[in-house]
Every structure is written in structure tokens, then in C-alpha cells.
Protein backbone atom coordinates (compact mmCIF):
# COMPACT_ATOMS: atom_id res chain seq x y z
CA MET A 1 -26.29 -40.99 107.66
CA ARG A 2 -26.91 -40.51 111.35
CA THR A 3 -24.09 -39.69 113.71
CA LEU A 4 -24.39 -40.69 117.29
CA ILE A 5 -22.04 -39.55 120.10
CA HIS A 6 -21.81 -41.93 122.99
CA ASP A 7 -20.48 -40.61 126.28
CA LEU A 8 -18.30 -42.87 128.44
CA PRO A 9 -18.29 -42.60 132.21
CA ALA A 10 -15.46 -40.46 133.49
CA ALA A 11 -12.53 -42.40 134.95
CA SER A 12 -11.48 -39.38 136.98
CA ALA A 13 -12.97 -36.03 137.87
CA GLY A 14 -12.61 -33.46 135.15
CA THR A 15 -12.10 -35.96 132.31
CA THR A 16 -14.40 -36.98 129.48
CA HIS A 17 -14.27 -39.48 126.64
CA CYS A 18 -16.82 -40.11 123.89
CA LEU A 19 -17.25 -42.51 120.99
CA ARG A 20 -18.69 -41.63 117.57
CA SER A 21 -20.75 -44.12 115.54
CA LEU A 22 -21.93 -43.56 111.96
CA HIS A 23 -25.16 -45.21 110.92
CA PHE A 24 -25.92 -45.67 107.21
CA GLY A 25 -28.90 -47.17 105.44
CA ARG A 26 -32.65 -47.18 105.45
CA GLY A 27 -33.05 -49.91 108.08
CA VAL A 28 -35.84 -51.74 106.30
CA SER A 29 -34.27 -55.08 105.38
CA GLY A 30 -33.41 -56.37 108.86
CA ARG A 31 -29.82 -56.80 107.83
CA LYS A 32 -27.03 -55.13 109.78
CA ALA A 33 -23.23 -54.91 109.32
CA TYR A 34 -20.96 -53.44 112.01
CA LEU A 35 -17.38 -52.30 111.44
CA GLN A 36 -14.99 -50.72 113.86
CA ALA A 37 -11.41 -49.39 113.62
CA ALA A 38 -8.54 -49.31 116.05
CA LEU A 39 -9.74 -51.06 119.12
CA HIS A 40 -5.99 -51.17 119.81
CA ALA A 41 -5.77 -47.38 119.72
CA ASP A 42 -2.11 -47.17 118.56
CA GLU A 43 -2.95 -49.08 115.37
CA VAL A 44 -3.39 -46.23 112.96
CA PRO A 45 -4.02 -47.72 109.48
CA PRO A 46 -7.64 -48.88 110.34
CA MET A 47 -8.65 -45.28 111.23
CA LEU A 48 -7.65 -44.00 107.78
CA VAL A 49 -9.33 -46.94 106.06
CA ALA A 50 -12.56 -46.10 108.08
CA GLN A 51 -12.47 -42.54 106.75
CA ALA A 52 -12.22 -43.76 103.17
CA LEU A 53 -15.02 -46.28 103.73
CA ALA A 54 -17.28 -43.66 105.38
CA GLN A 55 -17.08 -41.53 102.23
CA ARG A 56 -18.17 -44.50 100.09
CA LEU A 57 -20.92 -45.47 102.42
CA GLN A 58 -22.25 -41.91 102.52
CA ALA A 59 -22.50 -41.81 98.73
CA LEU A 60 -24.23 -45.21 98.69
CA ASP A 61 -26.61 -44.11 101.44
CA ASP A 62 -27.47 -40.96 99.47
CA ALA A 63 -28.22 -43.17 96.47
CA GLY A 64 -30.54 -45.45 98.49
CA ALA A 65 -28.24 -48.44 97.95
CA ILE A 66 -28.17 -49.60 101.62
CA ASP A 67 -31.52 -51.29 102.49
CA GLY A 68 -30.49 -52.41 105.97
CA GLU A 69 -28.01 -50.69 108.32
CA ILE A 70 -24.28 -50.41 108.32
CA VAL A 71 -22.72 -49.08 111.49
CA LEU A 72 -19.10 -47.74 111.32
CA VAL A 73 -17.08 -46.76 114.39
CA PRO A 74 -14.06 -44.86 112.88
CA MET A 75 -12.15 -44.76 116.18
CA ALA A 76 -13.15 -47.45 118.62
CA ASN A 77 -11.02 -46.67 121.64
CA PRO A 78 -10.86 -43.06 122.89
CA LEU A 79 -9.38 -44.36 126.20
CA GLY A 80 -6.39 -45.97 124.56
CA LEU A 81 -5.91 -43.09 122.11
CA ALA A 82 -5.32 -40.75 125.07
CA GLN A 83 -2.64 -42.93 126.55
CA HIS A 84 0.97 -41.84 126.03
CA LEU A 85 4.16 -42.74 127.85
CA GLN A 86 7.03 -40.29 127.42
CA GLY A 87 6.18 -39.65 123.78
CA SER A 88 5.17 -43.17 122.83
CA ALA A 89 1.57 -44.17 122.07
CA PHE A 90 0.27 -46.97 124.35
CA GLY A 91 -3.09 -48.06 122.99
CA ARG A 92 -3.09 -51.86 123.23
CA PHE A 93 -3.39 -52.27 126.98
CA ASP A 94 -5.40 -50.28 129.58
CA LEU A 95 -2.88 -48.54 131.76
CA ALA A 96 -5.24 -48.70 134.68
CA THR A 97 -5.49 -52.49 134.78
CA GLY A 98 -2.78 -53.87 132.36
CA LEU A 99 -5.49 -55.66 130.37
CA ASN A 100 -5.59 -55.90 126.61
CA PHE A 101 -8.44 -53.72 125.26
CA ASN A 102 -9.37 -56.63 122.89
CA ARG A 103 -9.81 -59.24 125.51
CA ARG A 104 -12.50 -60.24 128.08
CA PHE A 105 -15.56 -59.20 126.24
CA ARG A 106 -18.75 -60.90 127.45
CA HIS A 107 -19.24 -64.55 126.34
CA LEU A 108 -23.05 -64.76 126.49
CA THR A 109 -23.93 -68.35 125.61
CA ALA A 110 -24.33 -69.81 129.09
CA ALA A 111 -26.47 -66.88 130.24
CA LEU A 112 -28.54 -66.98 127.06
CA ILE A 113 -29.62 -70.59 127.23
CA PRO A 114 -32.03 -70.33 130.17
CA ARG A 115 -33.34 -66.98 128.86
CA LEU A 116 -34.18 -68.55 125.54
CA GLU A 117 -36.03 -71.54 126.91
CA GLY A 118 -39.69 -70.96 126.08
CA ARG A 119 -38.95 -68.16 123.68
CA LEU A 120 -37.77 -70.16 120.68
CA GLY A 121 -39.94 -71.92 118.12
CA ALA A 122 -39.99 -73.34 114.61
CA ASP A 123 -39.28 -70.04 112.86
CA ARG A 124 -35.51 -69.56 112.31
CA ASP A 125 -35.84 -65.81 111.71
CA ALA A 126 -37.97 -65.32 114.80
CA ASN A 127 -35.40 -67.24 116.78
CA ALA A 128 -32.61 -64.96 115.50
CA ARG A 129 -34.52 -61.96 116.63
CA ALA A 130 -35.07 -63.50 120.06
CA ILE A 131 -31.33 -64.29 120.41
CA ARG A 132 -30.35 -60.74 119.41
CA ALA A 133 -32.88 -59.16 121.84
CA ALA A 134 -31.84 -61.45 124.70
CA SER A 135 -28.15 -60.74 123.99
CA ALA A 136 -28.74 -57.01 124.06
CA ALA A 137 -30.63 -57.29 127.35
CA LEU A 138 -27.75 -59.17 128.97
CA LEU A 139 -25.25 -56.49 127.88
CA GLN A 140 -27.51 -53.81 129.23
CA ALA A 141 -27.46 -55.58 132.58
CA TRP A 142 -23.66 -55.69 132.61
CA GLN A 143 -22.40 -53.27 135.28
CA PRO A 144 -18.92 -52.17 134.18
CA ALA A 145 -16.25 -52.05 136.89
CA ASP A 146 -14.16 -49.43 135.19
CA ALA A 147 -13.92 -47.16 132.09
CA ALA A 148 -12.44 -49.89 129.89
CA GLU A 149 -15.32 -52.30 130.71
CA ALA A 150 -17.80 -49.50 129.97
CA LEU A 151 -16.15 -49.12 126.52
CA LYS A 152 -16.39 -52.90 125.96
CA ARG A 153 -20.07 -52.97 126.84
CA LEU A 154 -20.79 -50.06 124.45
CA LEU A 155 -18.89 -51.65 121.58
CA GLN A 156 -20.35 -55.09 122.07
CA GLY A 157 -23.83 -53.60 122.41
CA LEU A 158 -23.48 -51.76 119.08
CA ALA A 159 -22.44 -55.03 117.35
CA VAL A 160 -24.48 -57.73 119.05
CA ASP A 161 -27.50 -57.54 116.74
CA ALA A 162 -25.41 -57.48 113.57
CA ASP A 163 -25.12 -60.38 111.12
CA LEU A 164 -21.69 -59.22 109.97
CA VAL A 165 -18.93 -57.77 112.21
CA LEU A 166 -15.51 -56.69 111.09
CA ASP A 167 -12.90 -55.53 113.61
CA LEU A 168 -10.16 -53.56 111.82
CA HIS A 169 -6.63 -53.79 113.32
CA CYS A 170 -3.02 -53.91 112.17
CA ASP A 171 0.08 -55.73 113.39
CA ASN A 172 3.63 -54.42 114.10
CA GLU A 173 5.24 -55.31 110.80
CA ALA A 174 2.97 -57.57 108.74
CA VAL A 175 1.24 -58.53 105.50
CA MET A 176 -2.49 -58.43 105.29
CA HIS A 177 -4.05 -61.26 107.30
CA VAL A 178 -7.45 -62.19 108.78
CA TYR A 179 -8.53 -64.05 111.87
CA THR A 180 -11.92 -65.77 111.99
CA ALA A 181 -13.59 -68.81 113.48
CA THR A 182 -13.26 -72.27 111.94
CA PRO A 183 -17.00 -72.65 111.31
CA GLN A 184 -16.96 -69.35 109.39
CA ALA A 185 -13.85 -69.92 107.29
CA ALA A 186 -15.52 -70.67 104.02
CA ALA A 187 -18.03 -67.69 104.34
CA LEU A 188 -15.19 -65.30 105.11
CA ALA A 189 -12.65 -66.52 102.54
CA PRO A 190 -13.95 -64.05 99.98
CA LEU A 191 -13.14 -61.23 102.44
CA ALA A 192 -9.57 -62.47 102.74
CA ALA A 193 -9.36 -62.79 98.96
CA ARG A 194 -10.61 -59.29 98.26
CA LEU A 195 -8.20 -57.79 100.79
CA GLY A 196 -5.28 -59.82 99.37
CA ALA A 197 -4.61 -61.54 102.66
CA GLN A 198 -1.65 -63.88 102.82
CA ALA A 199 -2.90 -65.71 105.84
CA LEU A 200 -6.44 -66.70 106.97
CA LEU A 201 -6.11 -67.93 110.55
CA VAL A 202 -8.94 -69.93 112.07
CA ALA A 203 -9.83 -71.42 115.44
CA GLU A 204 -13.14 -72.43 116.99
CA VAL A 205 -12.04 -70.79 120.27
CA SER A 206 -8.95 -68.63 120.37
CA GLY A 207 -9.13 -67.85 124.09
CA ASP A 208 -9.60 -64.86 126.39
CA GLU A 209 -12.81 -63.62 124.62
CA PRO A 210 -11.71 -61.18 121.89
CA PHE A 211 -14.31 -58.85 120.40
CA ASP A 212 -15.12 -60.65 117.15
CA GLU A 213 -15.32 -64.11 118.68
CA THR A 214 -17.78 -63.05 121.44
CA VAL A 215 -20.34 -61.73 118.96
CA ALA A 216 -20.13 -64.72 116.64
CA ARG A 217 -19.43 -67.80 118.79
CA THR A 218 -22.77 -67.61 120.56
CA TRP A 219 -24.55 -68.65 117.31
CA TRP A 220 -22.90 -71.98 116.66
CA GLU A 221 -22.94 -72.79 120.32
CA LEU A 222 -26.67 -72.18 120.63
CA ALA A 223 -27.31 -74.08 117.39
CA ALA A 224 -25.55 -77.05 118.83
CA HIS A 225 -27.32 -76.76 122.15
CA PHE A 226 -30.83 -76.51 120.68
CA ASP A 227 -30.13 -78.89 117.77
CA GLY A 228 -33.18 -80.99 117.02
CA ARG A 229 -35.46 -78.71 118.96
CA PHE A 230 -35.29 -75.21 117.44
CA PRO A 231 -33.64 -74.07 114.17
CA ILE A 232 -30.76 -71.60 114.72
CA ASP A 233 -28.42 -70.42 112.03
CA PRO A 234 -24.90 -71.26 113.32
CA LEU A 235 -23.63 -68.46 111.08
CA GLY A 236 -26.09 -65.86 112.40
CA CYS A 237 -23.28 -63.52 112.82
CA LEU A 238 -20.14 -63.60 110.65
CA ALA A 239 -17.18 -61.97 112.35
CA ALA A 240 -13.53 -61.50 111.68
CA THR A 241 -10.56 -59.47 112.77
CA VAL A 242 -8.83 -57.91 109.81
CA GLU A 243 -5.09 -57.04 110.25
CA LEU A 244 -4.28 -54.24 107.83
CA ARG A 245 -0.60 -54.90 107.38
CA GLY A 246 1.87 -53.06 109.63
CA GLU A 247 1.65 -50.04 111.88
CA THR A 248 3.53 -47.66 109.70
CA GLU A 249 1.77 -48.59 106.36
CA VAL A 250 -0.52 -45.51 106.45
CA SER A 251 -1.15 -44.00 103.02
CA GLN A 252 -4.11 -42.69 101.18
CA ALA A 253 -3.59 -45.19 98.39
CA LEU A 254 -3.69 -48.16 100.72
CA ALA A 255 -6.71 -46.78 102.58
CA GLU A 256 -8.63 -46.37 99.31
CA GLN A 257 -7.60 -49.88 98.15
CA ASP A 258 -8.69 -51.44 101.42
CA ALA A 259 -11.96 -49.50 101.57
CA ASP A 260 -12.81 -50.69 98.08
CA ALA A 261 -12.14 -54.30 99.18
CA LEU A 262 -14.34 -53.98 102.25
CA LEU A 263 -17.10 -52.36 100.19
CA ALA A 264 -16.89 -55.20 97.63
CA PHE A 265 -17.35 -57.76 100.45
CA LEU A 266 -20.32 -55.80 101.70
CA GLN A 267 -21.75 -56.24 98.22
CA ASP A 268 -20.94 -59.96 98.34
CA THR A 269 -22.94 -60.33 101.62
CA GLY A 270 -25.87 -58.28 100.38
CA HIS A 271 -25.43 -55.39 102.80
CA VAL A 272 -24.92 -52.96 99.88
CA ARG A 273 -26.66 -53.15 96.52
CA GLY A 274 -24.59 -53.87 93.47
CA ASP A 275 -22.37 -56.57 92.10
CA ALA A 276 -18.66 -56.43 92.68
CA ALA A 277 -16.18 -57.97 90.32
CA PRO A 278 -15.46 -61.63 91.08
CA ALA A 279 -13.11 -62.16 94.05
CA PRO A 280 -9.66 -63.53 93.29
CA PRO A 281 -8.68 -66.88 94.79
CA ALA A 282 -8.20 -66.81 98.56
CA CYS A 283 -5.25 -68.20 100.43
CA ALA A 284 -5.79 -71.51 102.12
CA ALA A 285 -7.05 -71.21 105.74
CA THR A 286 -4.58 -72.41 108.35
CA PRO A 287 -5.32 -73.29 111.98
CA LEU A 288 -4.43 -70.73 114.63
CA GLU A 289 -3.18 -73.73 116.57
CA GLY A 290 -0.53 -74.14 113.76
CA VAL A 291 0.95 -70.62 114.19
CA GLU A 292 4.48 -70.63 115.38
CA PRO A 293 5.26 -67.63 117.60
CA VAL A 294 9.05 -67.46 117.35
CA THR A 295 10.33 -66.24 120.73
CA ALA A 296 13.76 -65.13 121.87
CA PRO A 297 15.45 -67.73 124.19
CA VAL A 298 18.13 -65.21 125.07
CA PRO A 299 18.37 -61.43 124.88
CA GLY A 300 20.21 -59.74 121.97
CA VAL A 301 20.14 -57.63 118.84
CA VAL A 302 17.58 -59.14 116.39
CA VAL A 303 18.82 -59.80 112.86
CA PHE A 304 15.93 -61.10 110.79
CA ALA A 305 16.51 -63.61 107.99
CA LYS A 306 12.83 -63.66 106.97
CA ALA A 307 10.35 -60.86 106.33
CA PRO A 308 6.53 -60.82 106.38
CA GLY A 309 5.26 -62.50 103.35
CA ASP A 310 8.21 -64.92 103.01
CA TRP A 311 7.62 -68.66 102.82
CA VAL A 312 9.59 -70.47 105.46
CA ALA A 313 10.75 -74.08 105.23
CA ALA A 314 10.88 -76.40 108.20
CA GLY A 315 14.20 -75.86 109.96
CA GLU A 316 15.08 -72.79 107.99
CA LEU A 317 16.90 -69.86 109.70
CA VAL A 318 14.43 -67.08 110.50
CA ALA A 319 16.49 -64.78 112.78
CA GLU A 320 19.64 -64.53 114.76
CA LEU A 321 20.17 -62.95 118.15
CA VAL A 322 23.51 -61.21 118.83
CA CYS A 323 24.48 -60.61 122.41
CA PRO A 324 26.24 -57.23 122.79
CA LEU A 325 27.79 -58.34 126.11
CA SER A 326 29.39 -61.67 124.99
CA ASP A 327 29.25 -61.39 121.19
CA ALA A 328 27.51 -64.81 121.17
CA ARG A 329 25.14 -65.46 118.25
CA THR A 330 22.01 -67.56 118.68
CA PRO A 331 20.34 -68.77 115.50
CA LEU A 332 16.56 -69.30 115.49
CA HIS A 333 15.03 -71.82 113.12
CA ALA A 334 11.42 -72.54 112.06
CA ARG A 335 9.70 -75.39 113.73
CA ALA A 336 7.69 -76.17 110.62
CA ALA A 337 6.97 -74.83 107.18
CA GLY A 338 4.63 -71.87 106.82
CA ARG A 339 4.11 -68.26 105.80
CA CYS A 340 5.73 -65.53 107.87
CA PHE A 341 2.91 -63.06 108.28
CA ALA A 342 4.09 -60.74 111.03
CA ARG A 343 7.15 -59.81 112.99
CA THR A 344 8.17 -57.22 115.66
CA SER A 345 9.52 -53.87 114.67
CA ARG A 346 11.90 -53.91 117.67
CA ARG A 347 15.46 -54.88 116.91
CA TYR A 348 16.54 -55.66 120.50
CA ALA A 349 14.95 -58.63 122.17
CA THR A 350 14.55 -59.44 125.88
CA ARG A 351 14.31 -63.10 126.88
CA GLY A 352 10.93 -64.60 125.96
CA MET A 353 9.92 -61.79 123.67
CA ARG A 354 7.83 -62.71 120.56
CA LEU A 355 9.72 -61.96 117.38
CA MET A 356 7.81 -63.46 114.52
CA LYS A 357 4.65 -65.39 113.62
CA ILE A 358 4.60 -68.15 111.08
CA ALA A 359 1.34 -69.68 109.84
CA GLY A 360 1.73 -73.41 109.49
CA ALA A 361 -0.76 -76.06 108.36
CA THR A 362 -0.43 -78.49 111.24
CA PRO A 363 -2.02 -77.76 114.65
CA TRP A 364 0.33 -78.17 117.63
CA ARG A 365 -0.60 -75.46 120.20
CA SER A 366 -3.57 -75.19 122.57
CA GLY A 367 -4.85 -72.85 125.23
CA ASN A 368 -4.92 -69.08 124.63
CA LEU A 369 -3.78 -68.80 121.00
CA LEU A 370 -3.58 -65.03 120.50
CA SER A 371 -0.74 -62.67 121.25
CA PRO A 372 -0.99 -61.09 124.74
């Protein structure tokens, strides 16, 4: 294993931040997997899972069982990890700009197309190498405007030449669930199955350029653009966001369980030698456009009638809001049937606050589909 320390530019005089990346494998196969934990820095479970996974990868590396390269970033956001407001962690948004740390990564397709003209040919593998090299060059040319952009450039640069990218997160209160792109749903269903995910949420474009989408989306867009001229694997990079249950579900037992599941998937994809036990059946993929974000139409104390993991019937009561000023009670009902996969841990809602997410089978939303 090699350990690299990446210094980030100081946001203010007298301050320093750095990122640690762990590099496993002999690097002879041309394959690369990239995994990172806690891009939203107040999401702790992924960091413990990364520790457990690092131990397993070290043992496999020592045994010569990793022919390619596996890069693991056990803590992906030193900027957000340093942000606290009066005793509360604040790692989802950059305090300097208000922007979500997992939004506005670089979508490279439009800039890649002219760079690739004249560099592609009949060899699919050579085309993949050209795409990765051109992508890396574009990211190197990115001049970050602030510390958060410098972090995004670093993370995207570490992942852009990988053929598998897993971004480890968690939700507020939740069951295990996975986000990926519609073209990749079948390839990543075994990952969801091994993790025991209760929702596999898919969209071709979810909006606002999250990390996993920006490293994967380029491949099917370039394949479509150059179709009939040059062979390009539309699944040249498989990528997913893994939501490791809820924020407080931090235990060594869960970390070991999740690390084993991730390692088994790395065996499935050939990034690690060995055969894992057969994956169990996966939950059915559902469109991200079909997720109902239950919101509060009025303020009040939140009394949930449904918990993460519960099946919800169309029209069923999912929560009630109790106004402490008027004693009025406002019932909230599900728009359609689906699986409740996440909800807020807060029990007082302001108007418009998101309370719960229900994965339904029928698309009905459009635009930016992710939570803010």
C-alpha cells in the first residue's frame, strides 16, 4: 500500500488542510477502482466502513490479490470536517459559499468531444485510454475559485481514470439504499444486493452534477455521440452513491458487515482476486423521478406514522404535524405506493421542510431530483 498526502490550498492565512489517499495493488492490469468516504463530512458511518475496508485491502495487497489499483480515500472532506456551529457538525454545505459539497463537479462531455476528434480509432481499449487521459488533462486545467473547488478538482482527478467509483454516504435516518444511473442499473444491482439495499434509485441525469454522476455520465454520452464512428464502452466507468443507513448507525459490527459486502462486489467486478458467495436477490430498481419527497405544508411537531423500511400504500398516513400554537393537526398522506427509505431526524418542521422520502415505481418529477 502507498499512502499519499494531498495538500489543499489554504483558504485563509495560517490554516492548512490535507487529504489522504490509500493506493492498493500492483497496477499491472489496467483496472482501477476508486472509493471515497464522507464527502458530506458530518456523515460518520462511511468513515468507519472505510477503516474496515482498508484493513481487508491491505491484507489482500500483501497477498498479491490486487492486480490493478484500488484507491481508497477514508475521509474525503477535510474542509467540511472542520466546520462546526455552536457544537453541531456542519459538513454538508460549504460555509463560505452555501454550496453542497456534493454538487457542481465538472461535467466534461462537451469539452471532451473536440479534444477527442482525431484521437479515437477502431480499438475500444485505446479509445478508453484516450478518454481518461483527456479527462485528466481537462481537470488539471480547471482553476479552482476557492478551497471547496480545489477539493472537488482533487477528488474528481483521483477518480476520473477509474472504471469503478463508489461514493460512500449516509442519510439522516434511513435504510441502506443506492443511487446510480439508469444505464448502469443492471451492472450495479449486485452491489445493492450485497449491501442489503432496500432501494436502488436510478436516473440518467439527476441534476446539479453530483460526484458519481460526473465521472460516469461522460461514457454513455460519448458512446452516443461517436456511435457508428468509434467504439466506446458506455459503461466505461460504473459509479454509484451508497447510502449507509442513518447518521447514528455507527458500530464496528455494521462497519465489518458493509466492508465485507463492498469487498465481495470488488471480487464480482474483478478488481480483487477470488470468488465471493453468490449475491442474494436485489431489490427492484425504481426511478429517482418516482421518489416522493414528503414536505411540510405547515410548521409543527412531527409525529411519524411510517419508519424507514416500511412499505407505504397510496393515500396512507405517513406523518402528522401538530401546531404548538393552535393545536391544529395536519395529516400527511403518501401520493403513491412505495418504500419509505429515509426520513429526517428532526421532530419539529418548518414550512417546506423535507420530512421523508418514499421510492415509488412511477416517474412524476423532473428537474433537479436530489435533496438540496
